[in-house]
Each structure stands twice: as structure tokens, then as C-alpha cells.
């Protein structure tokens, strides 16, 4: 589950987040194409554990993720609707939520997007799939 979560979060940060000078997505329409980002555009991956929980956080310096993207993708994914118009199928948020007990989105528009998934290491796969999920979206301001 950790690998699925890490993969989806990194794919979003590398392919969906980067935009050109006109605000158009640079890589979202081809998730197999090579991606070259400048050092100041790089995504970061952080992992931490206390032995009971594992947290994975991916951040990007674009801050383009909006609440409507998260909850719209979740609604489409749970309904089984595929939307390939933006490059992905629209099921990524469902995959992330199924892989973690909690997802936290912290966005400073135009400056940063951080997505953190928290997994309980004591749960087996069946328990993880049936446990209640928690999703939080924070929309901040640049200091």
C-alpha cells in the first residue's frame, strides 16, 4: 500500500503539478514521457515512522491543487467514472485514500502543495480496506 501511495503522489507532483509560463500543464497529458524539471521545480519525498504509523509526504513548488480537484476526483473515482482528459484516469485520489488511513492536503496557492498519507503499520490489508478514512484539505496563504 505504501508503494501505491508513494507512486501516485510522486506521479501527481511530477506530471500534473508543473506548468509553463502561461499556466498550462507541461506533462499531464503523457505520463510516460520523460520529465525534466529545474532544481527549483523539483518535488520532494519525505518518509517518517514511529514504529506504529508510517507517513509519506510529497511536495511540489507549484501550489496548483484545488479542493475541487481532490473532491471531484474522489466523487468520480468512487462512482467508477474514468476521465482521461487530463492525462490520468481520475482514480488517483481513490487509490491514495484506499492506501492510507488519512490523507492531508496542505496547499499554498501558487507556492506549494504538500500531500501527506498516514498508514497504520499494525493493520493487515483487510483491516486497512475496511477502516474509516480521513481526508483533510488546508488552503493556506504564503507567509
Protein backbone atom coordinates (compact mmCIF):
# COMPACT_ATOMS: atom_id res chain seq x y z
CA UNK A 1 0.00 0.00 0.00
CA UNK A 2 2.92 2.28 0.78
CA UNK A 3 4.33 1.79 -2.72
CA UNK A 4 0.99 2.58 -4.37
CA UNK A 5 0.61 5.74 -2.32
CA UNK A 6 4.19 6.89 -2.99
CA UNK A 7 3.83 6.20 -6.71
CA UNK A 8 0.57 8.10 -7.09
CA UNK A 9 1.73 11.11 -5.07
CA UNK A 10 5.01 11.32 -6.99
CA UNK A 11 3.28 10.97 -10.36
CA UNK A 12 0.98 13.86 -9.47
CA UNK A 13 3.88 16.04 -8.33
CA UNK A 14 5.99 15.29 -11.42
CA UNK A 15 3.37 15.16 -14.17
CA UNK A 16 0.32 17.14 -13.04
CA UNK A 17 1.78 19.98 -10.98
CA UNK A 18 4.36 21.59 -13.35
CA UNK A 19 3.05 24.35 -15.59
CA UNK A 20 4.56 26.53 -18.29
CA UNK A 21 4.84 30.33 -18.20
CA UNK A 22 1.18 30.58 -19.28
CA UNK A 23 -0.11 28.31 -16.52
CA UNK A 24 -0.72 25.31 -18.82
CA UNK A 25 0.23 21.83 -17.57
CA UNK A 26 3.54 20.76 -19.13
CA UNK A 27 3.40 16.97 -18.67
CA UNK A 28 -0.13 15.99 -17.61
CA UNK A 29 -1.18 14.55 -20.97
CA UNK A 30 1.58 11.93 -21.27
CA UNK A 31 2.57 10.11 -18.09
CA UNK A 32 5.14 8.04 -19.96
CA UNK A 33 7.12 10.96 -21.36
CA UNK A 34 10.41 11.91 -19.71
CA UNK A 35 10.17 14.85 -17.33
CA UNK A 36 12.92 17.41 -16.85
CA UNK A 37 12.44 19.92 -14.05
CA UNK A 38 14.69 22.73 -12.90
CA UNK A 39 16.11 22.39 -9.38
CA UNK A 40 13.59 24.93 -8.05
CA UNK A 41 10.73 22.88 -9.55
CA UNK A 42 11.72 19.53 -8.04
CA UNK A 43 9.28 17.51 -5.99
CA UNK A 44 10.37 16.22 -2.60
CA UNK A 45 9.57 12.95 -0.88
CA UNK A 46 9.73 12.56 2.89
CA UNK A 47 9.05 9.41 4.88
CA UNK A 48 8.77 9.05 8.66
CA UNK A 49 7.68 6.37 11.09
CA UNK A 50 7.24 5.98 14.83
CA UNK A 51 7.01 2.21 14.54
CA UNK A 52 3.22 2.24 14.69
CA UNK A 53 2.41 4.60 11.82
CA UNK A 54 4.19 5.41 8.59
CA UNK A 55 3.83 8.82 6.97
CA UNK A 56 4.75 9.69 3.42
CA UNK A 57 4.73 13.26 2.20
CA UNK A 58 5.26 14.55 -1.32
CA UNK A 59 5.50 18.25 -2.00
CA UNK A 60 5.88 20.36 -5.11
CA UNK A 61 6.57 24.10 -5.50
CA UNK A 62 3.59 24.86 -7.74
CA UNK A 63 0.61 25.02 -5.38
CA UNK A 64 -1.92 24.28 -8.11
CA UNK A 65 -4.04 21.63 -6.41
CA UNK A 66 -7.53 22.85 -5.60
CA UNK A 67 -10.17 21.48 -3.29
CA UNK A 68 -12.47 20.83 -6.26
CA UNK A 69 -9.77 18.65 -7.88
CA UNK A 70 -9.49 16.47 -4.78
CA UNK A 71 -13.18 16.08 -4.02
CA UNK A 72 -14.22 15.92 -7.69
CA UNK A 73 -11.70 13.16 -8.34
CA UNK A 74 -12.86 11.33 -5.24
CA UNK A 75 -16.52 11.56 -6.32
CA UNK A 76 -15.71 10.36 -9.87
CA UNK A 77 -13.47 7.57 -8.62
CA UNK A 78 -15.95 6.25 -6.09
CA UNK A 79 -18.63 6.28 -8.80
CA UNK A 80 -16.29 4.39 -11.16
CA UNK A 81 -16.19 7.20 -13.72
CA UNK A 82 -12.98 7.49 -15.75
CA UNK A 83 -11.85 10.88 -17.03
CA UNK A 84 -8.72 10.65 -19.18
CA UNK A 85 -8.92 14.23 -20.47
CA UNK A 86 -6.27 15.49 -18.06
CA UNK A 87 -3.80 12.65 -18.60
CA UNK A 88 -4.75 10.32 -15.75
CA UNK A 89 -7.93 8.32 -15.34
CA UNK A 90 -9.14 10.37 -12.37
CA UNK A 91 -8.86 7.48 -9.92
CA UNK A 92 -5.62 8.56 -8.24
CA UNK A 93 -7.24 10.15 -5.22
CA UNK A 94 -9.24 6.98 -4.57
CA UNK A 95 -6.06 4.90 -4.81
CA UNK A 96 -4.35 7.25 -2.33
CA UNK A 97 -7.24 7.15 0.10
CA UNK A 98 -7.50 3.35 -0.09
CA UNK A 99 -3.76 3.08 0.57
CA UNK A 100 -3.77 5.27 3.69
CA UNK A 101 -5.86 5.76 6.79
CA UNK A 102 -5.56 9.53 6.48
CA UNK A 103 -4.69 12.00 3.73
CA UNK A 104 -3.77 15.60 4.43
CA UNK A 105 -3.56 18.19 1.68
CA UNK A 106 -1.82 21.46 2.52
CA UNK A 107 -1.83 23.95 -0.35
CA UNK A 108 -0.44 27.46 -0.53
CA UNK A 109 -1.79 28.53 -3.94
CA UNK A 110 0.98 29.32 -6.40
CA UNK A 111 3.71 28.35 -3.91
CA UNK A 112 3.45 24.80 -2.58
CA UNK A 113 1.37 21.64 -2.45
CA UNK A 114 2.07 19.06 0.25
CA UNK A 115 0.18 15.80 0.42
CA UNK A 116 0.74 13.53 3.41
CA UNK A 117 -0.58 10.00 3.73
CA UNK A 118 -0.56 8.21 7.08
CA UNK A 119 -0.68 4.40 7.27
CA UNK A 120 -1.19 2.29 10.37
CA UNK A 121 1.50 -0.40 10.33
CA UNK A 122 -0.41 -2.69 12.69
CA UNK A 123 -3.34 -3.18 10.29
CA UNK A 124 -3.46 -6.04 7.83
CA UNK A 125 -4.70 -5.41 4.29
CA UNK A 126 -8.29 -6.41 5.06
CA UNK A 127 -8.42 -4.10 8.09
CA UNK A 128 -6.89 -1.24 6.09
CA UNK A 129 -9.51 -1.57 3.37
CA UNK A 130 -12.42 -1.57 5.84
CA UNK A 131 -11.24 1.08 8.30
CA UNK A 132 -12.73 4.56 8.32
CA UNK A 133 -10.74 7.03 6.21
CA UNK A 134 -9.88 10.62 6.99
CA UNK A 135 -9.28 13.36 4.43
CA UNK A 136 -8.29 16.94 5.24
CA UNK A 137 -7.73 19.87 2.87
CA UNK A 138 -5.97 23.02 4.10
CA UNK A 139 -5.73 26.08 1.87
CA UNK A 140 -3.21 28.48 3.32
CA UNK A 141 -1.52 31.70 2.43
CA UNK A 142 2.10 32.43 1.63
CA UNK A 143 3.95 33.88 4.66
